[in-house]
Amino acid sequence: MKRLKEINLEDGKPTVADALIILKSSINNAKSGNVGCLYIIHGYGSSGKGGAIRDKARHC
C-alpha cells in the first residue's frame, strides 16, 4: 500500500533556494519509494496570501 508523506518547507525557516532543494529531493525520494501522496506545507508568507516558497514550489 502506498503511503502519505509530509514535507514541511517552513521547518527551520529556510531560504527559497534551500526550500526548493528540499522539495526536489523529497519528490525524487517519493518517486523511488513507496509514497503515493506528498503533503507539502509551504506557508503563507507575512501577507497571508502566499509567500515566496509557495510561489516557487508551484513551478518546481
PDB file of N, CA and C in Angstrom:
ATOM      1  N   MET A   1       0.844  -1.173   0.000  1.00  0.00           N
ATOM      2  CA  MET A   1       0.000   0.000   0.000  1.00  0.00           C
ATOM      3  C   MET A   1       0.895   1.243   0.000  1.00  0.00           C
ATOM      4  N   LYS A   2       0.555   2.197  -0.824  1.00  0.00           N
ATOM      5  CA  LYS A   2       1.283   3.454  -0.882  1.00  0.00           C
ATOM      6  C   LYS A   2       0.978   4.281   0.362  1.00  0.00           C
ATOM      7  N   ARG A   3       1.915   5.113   0.734  1.00  0.00           N
ATOM      8  CA  ARG A   3       1.719   5.895   1.948  1.00  0.00           C
ATOM      9  C   ARG A   3       1.786   7.390   1.666  1.00  0.00           C
ATOM     10  N   LEU A   4       1.353   8.184   2.626  1.00  0.00           N
ATOM     11  CA  LEU A   4       1.367   9.640   2.585  1.00  0.00           C
ATOM     12  C   LEU A   4       2.623  10.129   3.288  1.00  0.00           C
ATOM     13  N   LYS A   5       3.282  11.122   2.725  1.00  0.00           N
ATOM     14  CA  LYS A   5       4.456  11.699   3.358  1.00  0.00           C
ATOM     15  C   LYS A   5       4.283  13.204   3.432  1.00  0.00           C
ATOM     16  N   GLU A   6       4.597  13.775   4.592  1.00  0.00           N
ATOM     17  CA  GLU A   6       4.500  15.212   4.801  1.00  0.00           C
ATOM     18  C   GLU A   6       5.876  15.848   4.629  1.00  0.00           C
ATOM     19  N   ILE A   7       5.922  16.951   3.896  1.00  0.00           N
ATOM     20  CA  ILE A   7       7.143  17.722   3.717  1.00  0.00           C
ATOM     21  C   ILE A   7       6.854  19.128   4.215  1.00  0.00           C
ATOM     22  N   ASN A   8       7.560  19.540   5.258  1.00  0.00           N
ATOM     23  CA  ASN A   8       7.343  20.861   5.829  1.00  0.00           C
ATOM     24  C   ASN A   8       8.455  21.796   5.359  1.00  0.00           C
ATOM     25  N   LEU A   9       8.172  22.598   4.355  1.00  0.00           N
ATOM     26  CA  LEU A   9       9.162  23.517   3.814  1.00  0.00           C
ATOM     27  C   LEU A   9       9.342  24.753   4.690  1.00  0.00           C
ATOM     28  N   GLU A  10       8.516  24.912   5.707  1.00  0.00           N
ATOM     29  CA  GLU A  10       8.655  26.025   6.652  1.00  0.00           C
ATOM     30  C   GLU A  10       9.639  25.696   7.775  1.00  0.00           C
ATOM     31  N   ASP A  11       9.832  24.428   8.038  1.00  0.00           N
ATOM     32  CA  ASP A  11      10.635  23.984   9.178  1.00  0.00           C
ATOM     33  C   ASP A  11      12.053  24.543   9.114  1.00  0.00           C
ATOM     34  N   GLY A  12      12.448  25.286  10.112  1.00  0.00           N
ATOM     35  CA  GLY A  12      13.774  25.868  10.162  1.00  0.00           C
ATOM     36  C   GLY A  12      13.912  27.162   9.386  1.00  0.00           C
ATOM     37  N   LYS A  13      12.820  27.637   8.804  1.00  0.00           N
ATOM     38  CA  LYS A  13      12.787  28.887   8.033  1.00  0.00           C
ATOM     39  C   LYS A  13      13.901  28.961   6.987  1.00  0.00           C
ATOM     40  N   PRO A  14      13.913  28.017   6.052  1.00  0.00           N
ATOM     41  CA  PRO A  14      14.971  28.028   5.025  1.00  0.00           C
ATOM     42  C   PRO A  14      14.757  29.143   4.002  1.00  0.00           C
ATOM     43  N   THR A  15      15.798  29.439   3.255  1.00  0.00           N
ATOM     44  CA  THR A  15      15.656  30.378   2.140  1.00  0.00           C
ATOM     45  C   THR A  15      14.828  29.691   1.058  1.00  0.00           C
ATOM     46  N   VAL A  16      14.386  30.458   0.090  1.00  0.00           N
ATOM     47  CA  VAL A  16      13.608  29.888  -1.012  1.00  0.00           C
ATOM     48  C   VAL A  16      14.443  28.839  -1.743  1.00  0.00           C
ATOM     49  N   ALA A  17      15.707  29.146  -2.006  1.00  0.00           N
ATOM     50  CA  ALA A  17      16.585  28.210  -2.726  1.00  0.00           C
ATOM     51  C   ALA A  17      16.751  26.903  -1.946  1.00  0.00           C
ATOM     52  N   ASP A  18      16.944  27.005  -0.637  1.00  0.00           N
ATOM     53  CA  ASP A  18      17.089  25.790   0.178  1.00  0.00           C
ATOM     54  C   ASP A  18      15.792  24.991   0.230  1.00  0.00           C
ATOM     55  N   ALA A  19      14.661  25.686   0.324  1.00  0.00           N
ATOM     56  CA  ALA A  19      13.362  25.007   0.357  1.00  0.00           C
ATOM     57  C   ALA A  19      13.123  24.247  -0.951  1.00  0.00           C
ATOM     58  N   LEU A  20      13.522  24.823  -2.074  1.00  0.00           N
ATOM     59  CA  LEU A  20      13.341  24.151  -3.360  1.00  0.00           C
ATOM     60  C   LEU A  20      14.235  22.925  -3.482  1.00  0.00           C
ATOM     61  N   ILE A  21      15.428  22.994  -2.933  1.00  0.00           N
ATOM     62  CA  ILE A  21      16.313  21.826  -2.916  1.00  0.00           C
ATOM     63  C   ILE A  21      15.674  20.708  -2.098  1.00  0.00           C
ATOM     64  N   ILE A  22      15.126  21.059  -0.944  1.00  0.00           N
ATOM     65  CA  ILE A  22      14.443  20.070  -0.092  1.00  0.00           C
ATOM     66  C   ILE A  22      13.255  19.471  -0.836  1.00  0.00           C
ATOM     67  N   LEU A  23      12.473  20.313  -1.505  1.00  0.00           N
ATOM     68  CA  LEU A  23      11.296  19.848  -2.222  1.00  0.00           C
ATOM     69  C   LEU A  23      11.672  18.895  -3.350  1.00  0.00           C
ATOM     70  N   LYS A  24      12.642  19.285  -4.165  1.00  0.00           N
ATOM     71  CA  LYS A  24      13.053  18.434  -5.291  1.00  0.00           C
ATOM     72  C   LYS A  24      13.603  17.098  -4.800  1.00  0.00           C
ATOM     73  N   SER A  25      14.384  17.141  -3.746  1.00  0.00           N
ATOM     74  CA  SER A  25      14.931  15.912  -3.177  1.00  0.00           C
ATOM     75  C   SER A  25      13.812  15.013  -2.645  1.00  0.00           C
ATOM     76  N   SER A  26      12.844  15.616  -1.972  1.00  0.00           N
ATOM     77  CA  SER A  26      11.718  14.849  -1.421  1.00  0.00           C
ATOM     78  C   SER A  26      10.868  14.230  -2.523  1.00  0.00           C
ATOM     79  N   ILE A  27      10.676  14.967  -3.614  1.00  0.00           N
ATOM     80  CA  ILE A  27       9.909  14.428  -4.738  1.00  0.00           C
ATOM     81  C   ILE A  27      10.636  13.235  -5.354  1.00  0.00           C
ATOM     82  N   ASN A  28      11.944  13.370  -5.556  1.00  0.00           N
ATOM     83  CA  ASN A  28      12.728  12.263  -6.112  1.00  0.00           C
ATOM     84  C   ASN A  28      12.708  11.044  -5.201  1.00  0.00           C
ATOM     85  N   ASN A  29      12.829  11.264  -3.893  1.00  0.00           N
ATOM     86  CA  ASN A  29      12.776  10.148  -2.938  1.00  0.00           C
ATOM     87  C   ASN A  29      11.407   9.480  -2.945  1.00  0.00           C
ATOM     88  N   ALA A  30      10.348  10.282  -3.083  1.00  0.00           N
ATOM     89  CA  ALA A  30       8.997   9.731  -3.103  1.00  0.00           C
ATOM     90  C   ALA A  30       8.772   8.880  -4.352  1.00  0.00           C
ATOM     91  N   LYS A  31       9.327   9.327  -5.483  1.00  0.00           N
ATOM     92  CA  LYS A  31       9.171   8.565  -6.724  1.00  0.00           C
ATOM     93  C   LYS A  31       9.832   7.201  -6.627  1.00  0.00           C
ATOM     94  N   SER A  32      10.969   7.143  -5.959  1.00  0.00           N
ATOM     95  CA  SER A  32      11.686   5.877  -5.858  1.00  0.00           C
ATOM     96  C   SER A  32      11.227   5.042  -4.667  1.00  0.00           C
ATOM     97  N   GLY A  33      10.442   5.621  -3.782  1.00  0.00           N
ATOM     98  CA  GLY A  33       9.958   4.912  -2.606  1.00  0.00           C
ATOM     99  C   GLY A  33       8.518   4.485  -2.752  1.00  0.00           C
ATOM    100  N   ASN A  34       7.923   4.157  -1.653  1.00  0.00           N
ATOM    101  CA  ASN A  34       6.546   3.663  -1.634  1.00  0.00           C
ATOM    102  C   ASN A  34       5.600   4.781  -1.179  1.00  0.00           C
ATOM    103  N   VAL A  35       5.726   5.959  -1.798  1.00  0.00           N
ATOM    104  CA  VAL A  35       4.919   7.115  -1.421  1.00  0.00           C
ATOM    105  C   VAL A  35       3.903   7.393  -2.517  1.00  0.00           C
ATOM    106  N   GLY A  36       2.655   7.466  -2.142  1.00  0.00           N
ATOM    107  CA  GLY A  36       1.595   7.714  -3.109  1.00  0.00           C
ATOM    108  C   GLY A  36       1.135   9.154  -3.134  1.00  0.00           C
ATOM    109  N   CYS A  37       1.417   9.895  -2.040  1.00  0.00           N
ATOM    110  CA  CYS A  37       0.944  11.268  -1.949  1.00  0.00           C
ATOM    111  C   CYS A  37       1.904  12.076  -1.082  1.00  0.00           C
ATOM    112  N   LEU A  38       2.234  13.284  -1.538  1.00  0.00           N
ATOM    113  CA  LEU A  38       3.050  14.205  -0.747  1.00  0.00           C
ATOM    114  C   LEU A  38       2.159  15.328  -0.235  1.00  0.00           C
ATOM    115  N   TYR A  39       2.249  15.581   1.042  1.00  0.00           N
ATOM    116  CA  TYR A  39       1.528  16.681   1.670  1.00  0.00           C
ATOM    117  C   TYR A  39       2.572  17.755   1.932  1.00  0.00           C
ATOM    118  N   ILE A  40       2.514  18.856   1.204  1.00  0.00           N
ATOM    119  CA  ILE A  40       3.560  19.875   1.259  1.00  0.00           C
ATOM    120  C   ILE A  40       3.069  21.096   2.028  1.00  0.00           C
ATOM    121  N   ILE A  41       3.788  21.430   3.081  1.00  0.00           N
ATOM    122  CA  ILE A  41       3.497  22.620   3.881  1.00  0.00           C
ATOM    123  C   ILE A  41       4.477  23.694   3.439  1.00  0.00           C
ATOM    124  N   HIS A  42       3.957  24.807   2.906  1.00  0.00           N
ATOM    125  CA  HIS A  42       4.829  25.841   2.364  1.00  0.00           C
ATOM    126  C   HIS A  42       4.651  27.189   3.032  1.00  0.00           C
ATOM    127  N   GLY A  43       3.631  27.362   3.820  1.00  0.00           N
ATOM    128  CA  GLY A  43       3.398  28.632   4.499  1.00  0.00           C
ATOM    129  C   GLY A  43       2.651  29.621   3.629  1.00  0.00           C
ATOM    130  N   TYR A  44       2.274  30.711   4.251  1.00  0.00           N
ATOM    131  CA  TYR A  44       1.508  31.740   3.546  1.00  0.00           C
ATOM    132  C   TYR A  44       2.227  33.073   3.491  1.00  0.00           C
ATOM    133  N   GLY A  45       3.415  33.176   4.036  1.00  0.00           N
ATOM    134  CA  GLY A  45       4.135  34.443   3.990  1.00  0.00           C
ATOM    135  C   GLY A  45       3.526  35.463   4.936  1.00  0.00           C
ATOM    136  N   SER A  46       4.161  36.576   5.083  1.00  0.00           N
ATOM    137  CA  SER A  46       3.688  37.596   6.021  1.00  0.00           C
ATOM    138  C   SER A  46       2.427  38.299   5.540  1.00  0.00           C
ATOM    139  N   SER A  47       2.164  38.244   4.242  1.00  0.00           N
ATOM    140  CA  SER A  47       0.969  38.916   3.707  1.00  0.00           C
ATOM    141  C   SER A  47      -0.298  38.097   3.921  1.00  0.00           C
ATOM    142  N   GLY A  48      -0.138  36.799   4.186  1.00  0.00           N
ATOM    143  CA  GLY A  48      -1.294  35.927   4.331  1.00  0.00           C
ATOM    144  C   GLY A  48      -1.850  35.447   3.004  1.00  0.00           C
ATOM    145  N   LYS A  49      -1.229  35.824   1.898  1.00  0.00           N
ATOM    146  CA  LYS A  49      -1.708  35.448   0.564  1.00  0.00           C
ATOM    147  C   LYS A  49      -0.768  34.477  -0.127  1.00  0.00           C
ATOM    148  N   GLY A  50       0.259  34.077   0.527  1.00  0.00           N
ATOM    149  CA  GLY A  50       1.222  33.169  -0.088  1.00  0.00           C
ATOM    150  C   GLY A  50       2.591  33.798  -0.134  1.00  0.00           C
ATOM    151  N   GLY A  51       3.577  33.026   0.265  1.00  0.00           N
ATOM    152  CA  GLY A  51       4.930  33.543   0.298  1.00  0.00           C
ATOM    153  C   GLY A  51       5.734  33.129  -0.917  1.00  0.00           C
ATOM    154  N   ALA A  52       7.006  33.481  -0.887  1.00  0.00           N
ATOM    155  CA  ALA A  52       7.909  33.193  -2.000  1.00  0.00           C
ATOM    156  C   ALA A  52       8.100  31.698  -2.190  1.00  0.00           C
ATOM    157  N   ILE A  53       8.179  30.938  -1.095  1.00  0.00           N
ATOM    158  CA  ILE A  53       8.358  29.486  -1.206  1.00  0.00           C
ATOM    159  C   ILE A  53       7.150  28.881  -1.910  1.00  0.00           C
ATOM    160  N   ARG A  54       5.976  29.319  -1.556  1.00  0.00           N
ATOM    161  CA  ARG A  54       4.752  28.806  -2.189  1.00  0.00           C
ATOM    162  C   ARG A  54       4.767  29.061  -3.686  1.00  0.00           C
ATOM    163  N   ASP A  55       5.092  30.276  -4.065  1.00  0.00           N
ATOM    164  CA  ASP A  55       5.106  30.633  -5.490  1.00  0.00           C
ATOM    165  C   ASP A  55       6.124  29.809  -6.268  1.00  0.00           C
ATOM    166  N   LYS A  56       7.322  29.697  -5.758  1.00  0.00           N
ATOM    167  CA  LYS A  56       8.378  28.955  -6.462  1.00  0.00           C
ATOM    168  C   LYS A  56       8.106  27.456  -6.459  1.00  0.00           C
ATOM    169  N   ALA A  57       7.528  26.925  -5.384  1.00  0.00           N
ATOM    170  CA  ALA A  57       7.236  25.492  -5.291  1.00  0.00           C
ATOM    171  C   ALA A  57       6.202  25.072  -6.336  1.00  0.00           C
ATOM    172  N   ARG A  58       5.302  25.950  -6.672  1.00  0.00           N
ATOM    173  CA  ARG A  58       4.277  25.635  -7.686  1.00  0.00           C
ATOM    174  C   ARG A  58       4.859  25.497  -9.080  1.00  0.00           C
ATOM    175  N   HIS A  59       6.035  26.065  -9.302  1.00  0.00           N
ATOM    176  CA  HIS A  59       6.695  25.985 -10.610  1.00  0.00           C
ATOM    177  C   HIS A  59       7.828  24.992 -10.624  1.00  0.00           C
ATOM    178  N   CYS A  60       7.965  24.251  -9.554  1.00  0.00           N
ATOM    179  CA  CYS A  60       9.054  23.288  -9.419  1.00  0.00           C
ATOM    180  C   CYS A  60       8.819  22.041 -10.254  1.00  0.00           C
TER     181      CYS A  60
END
